[in-house]
Amino acid sequence: MYALLTPMSRNLYTVVNGLIHLYRLHGCPEALVAFTTPETRGLLGALREAYAALCPRGRLEEKRLYGSLRRDAGLYESMIRRLRGEGVEVYVNVTPGTKVMSLAAYLGAVRGGADKVFYLGIGDNSYAAVLLPFIPSSLVEYVELGAPR
């Protein structure tokens, strides 16, 4: 039983590809928590559809980011501590979003004791708007950024 926390990006593919990759490794996350900005909030419906298609029993939660590295890291940290307190493993995707969003996700993961922090790189920008099953595996780089605890 695990939850996936992810910044929400204007490039929805980076969010969905992280979900697909974890699905392949661990099955469906019981919860997907999307950290949104005013610019990315409008994509929640599309994410909800993609998540429901892959994991019909999963629940999607939204947390709104402030746009401040420290405050946003605190949002991640609080969510991670809450989920871990419920006995849920927590994985954090730092691939999507701006640098500040990714740094906030990483900092919150370290402080909150996330189980895994990962980056999913695609080695060719021409695949930036392609779903993972259609990207040659030789171009996909999954990197766990170390055990934060």
C-alpha atoms as a PDB file:
ATOM      1  CA  MET A   1       0.000   0.000   0.000  1.00  0.00           C
ATOM      2  CA  TYR A   2       1.578   3.259  -1.112  1.00  0.00           C
ATOM      3  CA  ALA A   3       0.769   6.822  -2.085  1.00  0.00           C
ATOM      4  CA  LEU A   4       2.362   8.893  -4.836  1.00  0.00           C
ATOM      5  CA  LEU A   5       2.972  12.602  -4.253  1.00  0.00           C
ATOM      6  CA  THR A   6       3.793  14.727  -7.263  1.00  0.00           C
ATOM      7  CA  PRO A   7       4.023  18.352  -8.305  1.00  0.00           C
ATOM      8  CA  MET A   8       1.507  19.100 -11.043  1.00  0.00           C
ATOM      9  CA  SER A   9       3.087  20.280 -14.270  1.00  0.00           C
ATOM     10  CA  ARG A  10       1.684  22.020 -17.321  1.00  0.00           C
ATOM     11  CA  ASN A  11       3.204  19.051 -19.134  1.00  0.00           C
ATOM     12  CA  LEU A  12       0.779  16.437 -17.845  1.00  0.00           C
ATOM     13  CA  TYR A  13       2.853  13.697 -19.463  1.00  0.00           C
ATOM     14  CA  THR A  14       5.572  14.050 -16.811  1.00  0.00           C
ATOM     15  CA  VAL A  15       2.984  13.437 -14.091  1.00  0.00           C
ATOM     16  CA  VAL A  16       1.223  10.546 -15.831  1.00  0.00           C
ATOM     17  CA  ASN A  17       4.477   8.889 -16.897  1.00  0.00           C
ATOM     18  CA  GLY A  18       5.649   8.844 -13.270  1.00  0.00           C
ATOM     19  CA  LEU A  19       2.367   7.190 -12.307  1.00  0.00           C
ATOM     20  CA  ILE A  20       2.662   4.619 -15.106  1.00  0.00           C
ATOM     21  CA  HIS A  21       6.246   3.791 -14.182  1.00  0.00           C
ATOM     22  CA  LEU A  22       5.374   3.176 -10.525  1.00  0.00           C
ATOM     23  CA  TYR A  23       2.326   1.178 -11.580  1.00  0.00           C
ATOM     24  CA  ARG A  24       4.637  -1.115 -13.548  1.00  0.00           C
ATOM     25  CA  LEU A  25       6.922  -1.541 -10.523  1.00  0.00           C
ATOM     26  CA  HIS A  26       4.460  -1.634  -7.612  1.00  0.00           C
ATOM     27  CA  GLY A  27       0.875  -1.700  -8.889  1.00  0.00           C
ATOM     28  CA  CYS A  28      -1.678   1.014  -8.199  1.00  0.00           C
ATOM     29  CA  PRO A  29      -1.034   3.658  -5.587  1.00  0.00           C
ATOM     30  CA  GLU A  30      -3.929   3.830  -3.152  1.00  0.00           C
ATOM     31  CA  ALA A  31      -3.671   7.621  -3.279  1.00  0.00           C
ATOM     32  CA  LEU A  32      -2.296  10.136  -5.742  1.00  0.00           C
ATOM     33  CA  VAL A  33      -1.658  13.569  -4.262  1.00  0.00           C
ATOM     34  CA  ALA A  34      -1.201  16.341  -6.832  1.00  0.00           C
ATOM     35  CA  PHE A  35       0.398  19.574  -5.635  1.00  0.00           C
ATOM     36  CA  THR A  36      -1.037  22.295  -7.863  1.00  0.00           C
ATOM     37  CA  THR A  37      -0.565  25.938  -8.740  1.00  0.00           C
ATOM     38  CA  PRO A  38      -3.211  28.246 -10.236  1.00  0.00           C
ATOM     39  CA  GLU A  39      -1.678  27.474 -13.662  1.00  0.00           C
ATOM     40  CA  THR A  40      -1.846  23.675 -13.256  1.00  0.00           C
ATOM     41  CA  ARG A  41      -5.086  23.256 -11.334  1.00  0.00           C
ATOM     42  CA  GLY A  42      -7.106  23.113 -14.559  1.00  0.00           C
ATOM     43  CA  LEU A  43      -5.367  19.849 -15.502  1.00  0.00           C
ATOM     44  CA  LEU A  44      -6.738  17.933 -12.500  1.00  0.00           C
ATOM     45  CA  GLY A  45      -9.697  16.604 -14.499  1.00  0.00           C
ATOM     46  CA  ALA A  46      -7.400  15.040 -17.080  1.00  0.00           C
ATOM     47  CA  LEU A  47      -5.191  13.584 -14.344  1.00  0.00           C
ATOM     48  CA  ARG A  48      -8.263  12.202 -12.575  1.00  0.00           C
ATOM     49  CA  GLU A  49      -9.321  10.428 -15.802  1.00  0.00           C
ATOM     50  CA  ALA A  50      -5.854   8.962 -16.400  1.00  0.00           C
ATOM     51  CA  TYR A  51      -5.564   7.799 -12.780  1.00  0.00           C
ATOM     52  CA  ALA A  52      -9.065   6.267 -12.794  1.00  0.00           C
ATOM     53  CA  ALA A  53      -8.301   4.393 -16.030  1.00  0.00           C
ATOM     54  CA  LEU A  54      -5.183   2.880 -14.473  1.00  0.00           C
ATOM     55  CA  CYS A  55      -6.340   2.580 -10.853  1.00  0.00           C
ATOM     56  CA  PRO A  56     -10.163   2.656 -10.584  1.00  0.00           C
ATOM     57  CA  ARG A  57     -10.150   2.327  -6.775  1.00  0.00           C
ATOM     58  CA  GLY A  58      -7.512   5.005  -6.135  1.00  0.00           C
ATOM     59  CA  ARG A  59      -8.262   8.405  -4.639  1.00  0.00           C
ATOM     60  CA  LEU A  60      -6.933  11.670  -5.990  1.00  0.00           C
ATOM     61  CA  GLU A  61      -6.188  14.491  -3.565  1.00  0.00           C
ATOM     62  CA  GLU A  62      -5.132  18.027  -4.343  1.00  0.00           C
ATOM     63  CA  LYS A  63      -2.883  20.287  -2.306  1.00  0.00           C
ATOM     64  CA  ARG A  64      -2.378  23.847  -3.461  1.00  0.00           C
ATOM     65  CA  LEU A  65       1.132  25.208  -3.486  1.00  0.00           C
ATOM     66  CA  TYR A  66       1.969  28.705  -2.258  1.00  0.00           C
ATOM     67  CA  GLY A  67       4.875  29.392  -4.611  1.00  0.00           C
ATOM     68  CA  SER A  68       7.352  29.561  -1.716  1.00  0.00           C
ATOM     69  CA  LEU A  69      10.053  26.905  -1.397  1.00  0.00           C
ATOM     70  CA  ARG A  70       9.842  26.706   2.404  1.00  0.00           C
ATOM     71  CA  ARG A  71       6.055  26.778   2.673  1.00  0.00           C
ATOM     72  CA  ASP A  72       5.593  24.304  -0.154  1.00  0.00           C
ATOM     73  CA  ALA A  73       8.187  21.932   1.334  1.00  0.00           C
ATOM     74  CA  GLY A  74       6.169  22.129   4.554  1.00  0.00           C
ATOM     75  CA  LEU A  75       3.034  21.017   2.681  1.00  0.00           C
ATOM     76  CA  TYR A  76       4.857  17.949   1.372  1.00  0.00           C
ATOM     77  CA  GLU A  77       6.353  17.214   4.772  1.00  0.00           C
ATOM     78  CA  SER A  78       2.950  17.400   6.497  1.00  0.00           C
ATOM     79  CA  MET A  79       1.287  15.156   3.935  1.00  0.00           C
ATOM     80  CA  ILE A  80       4.106  12.608   4.123  1.00  0.00           C
ATOM     81  CA  ARG A  81       3.976  12.501   7.920  1.00  0.00           C
ATOM     82  CA  ARG A  82       0.181  12.084   7.841  1.00  0.00           C
ATOM     83  CA  LEU A  83       0.304   9.233   5.337  1.00  0.00           C
ATOM     84  CA  ARG A  84       3.204   7.486   7.061  1.00  0.00           C
ATOM     85  CA  GLY A  85       1.292   7.795  10.338  1.00  0.00           C
ATOM     86  CA  GLU A  86      -1.538   5.878   8.636  1.00  0.00           C
ATOM     87  CA  GLY A  87       0.918   3.119   7.694  1.00  0.00           C
ATOM     88  CA  VAL A  88       1.133   4.101   4.020  1.00  0.00           C
ATOM     89  CA  GLU A  89       4.446   4.068   2.145  1.00  0.00           C
ATOM     90  CA  VAL A  90       5.086   7.377   0.402  1.00  0.00           C
ATOM     91  CA  TYR A  91       6.808   7.849  -2.947  1.00  0.00           C
ATOM     92  CA  VAL A  92       7.604  11.334  -4.232  1.00  0.00           C
ATOM     93  CA  ASN A  93       8.101  12.172  -7.903  1.00  0.00           C
ATOM     94  CA  VAL A  94      10.353  15.214  -8.343  1.00  0.00           C
ATOM     95  CA  THR A  95      10.246  15.147 -12.165  1.00  0.00           C
ATOM     96  CA  PRO A  96       7.280  17.450 -12.953  1.00  0.00           C
ATOM     97  CA  GLY A  97       6.989  21.178 -12.404  1.00  0.00           C
ATOM     98  CA  THR A  98       9.384  24.067 -12.021  1.00  0.00           C
ATOM     99  CA  LYS A  99      12.711  23.875 -10.230  1.00  0.00           C
ATOM    100  CA  VAL A 100      11.167  25.416  -7.108  1.00  0.00           C
ATOM    101  CA  MET A 101       8.326  22.883  -7.183  1.00  0.00           C
ATOM    102  CA  SER A 102      10.761  19.969  -7.540  1.00  0.00           C
ATOM    103  CA  LEU A 103      13.040  21.299  -4.810  1.00  0.00           C
ATOM    104  CA  ALA A 104      10.071  21.765  -2.478  1.00  0.00           C
ATOM    105  CA  ALA A 105       8.983  18.185  -3.175  1.00  0.00           C
ATOM    106  CA  TYR A 106      12.499  16.886  -2.477  1.00  0.00           C
ATOM    107  CA  LEU A 107      13.001  18.960   0.662  1.00  0.00           C
ATOM    108  CA  GLY A 108       9.601  17.927   2.011  1.00  0.00           C
ATOM    109  CA  ALA A 109      10.380  14.286   1.208  1.00  0.00           C
ATOM    110  CA  VAL A 110      13.649  14.416   3.125  1.00  0.00           C
ATOM    111  CA  ARG A 111      12.143  16.191   6.122  1.00  0.00           C
ATOM    112  CA  GLY A 112       8.979  14.077   6.132  1.00  0.00           C
ATOM    113  CA  GLY A 113      10.724  10.716   5.780  1.00  0.00           C
ATOM    114  CA  ALA A 114       9.342   9.599   2.406  1.00  0.00           C
ATOM    115  CA  ASP A 115      10.115   6.018   1.466  1.00  0.00           C
ATOM    116  CA  LYS A 116      11.261   6.808  -2.077  1.00  0.00           C
ATOM    117  CA  VAL A 117      12.092   9.926  -4.036  1.00  0.00           C
ATOM    118  CA  PHE A 118      12.540   9.530  -7.764  1.00  0.00           C
ATOM    119  CA  TYR A 119      13.201  11.289 -11.032  1.00  0.00           C
ATOM    120  CA  LEU A 120      12.029   9.892 -14.367  1.00  0.00           C
ATOM    121  CA  GLY A 121      14.087  11.246 -17.229  1.00  0.00           C
ATOM    122  CA  ILE A 122      13.446  10.833 -20.925  1.00  0.00           C
ATOM    123  CA  GLY A 123      16.639  10.989 -22.984  1.00  0.00           C
ATOM    124  CA  ASP A 124      15.105  12.639 -26.045  1.00  0.00           C
ATOM    125  CA  ASN A 125      12.989  15.805 -25.916  1.00  0.00           C
ATOM    126  CA  SER A 126      11.017  14.732 -28.966  1.00  0.00           C
ATOM    127  CA  TYR A 127       9.233  12.325 -26.568  1.00  0.00           C
ATOM    128  CA  ALA A 128       8.238  15.059 -24.087  1.00  0.00           C
ATOM    129  CA  ALA A 129       4.553  14.734 -25.022  1.00  0.00           C
ATOM    130  CA  VAL A 130       4.424  10.949 -25.334  1.00  0.00           C
ATOM    131  CA  LEU A 131       3.079   8.446 -22.831  1.00  0.00           C
ATOM    132  CA  LEU A 132       5.602   6.036 -21.347  1.00  0.00           C
ATOM    133  CA  PRO A 133       4.434   2.841 -23.106  1.00  0.00           C
ATOM    134  CA  PHE A 134       5.276   4.481 -26.449  1.00  0.00           C
ATOM    135  CA  ILE A 135       8.781   5.663 -25.493  1.00  0.00           C
ATOM    136  CA  PRO A 136      11.707   3.324 -26.253  1.00  0.00           C
ATOM    137  CA  SER A 137      12.889   1.892 -22.943  1.00  0.00           C
ATOM    138  CA  SER A 138      16.483   2.774 -23.836  1.00  0.00           C
ATOM    139  CA  LEU A 139      15.504   6.466 -23.469  1.00  0.00           C
ATOM    140  CA  VAL A 140      13.873   6.105 -20.049  1.00  0.00           C
ATOM    141  CA  GLU A 141      15.990   6.762 -16.978  1.00  0.00           C
ATOM    142  CA  TYR A 142      14.436   6.029 -13.573  1.00  0.00           C
ATOM    143  CA  VAL A 143      16.608   7.336 -10.750  1.00  0.00           C
ATOM    144  CA  GLU A 144      15.896   6.886  -7.061  1.00  0.00           C
ATOM    145  CA  LEU A 145      17.473   9.814  -5.284  1.00  0.00           C
ATOM    146  CA  GLY A 146      18.455   7.866  -2.218  1.00  0.00           C
ATOM    147  CA  ALA A 147      16.648   6.963   0.942  1.00  0.00           C
ATOM    148  CA  PRO A 148      15.761  10.302   2.515  1.00  0.00           C
ATOM    149  CA  ARG A 149      15.607   8.839   6.002  1.00  0.00           C
END
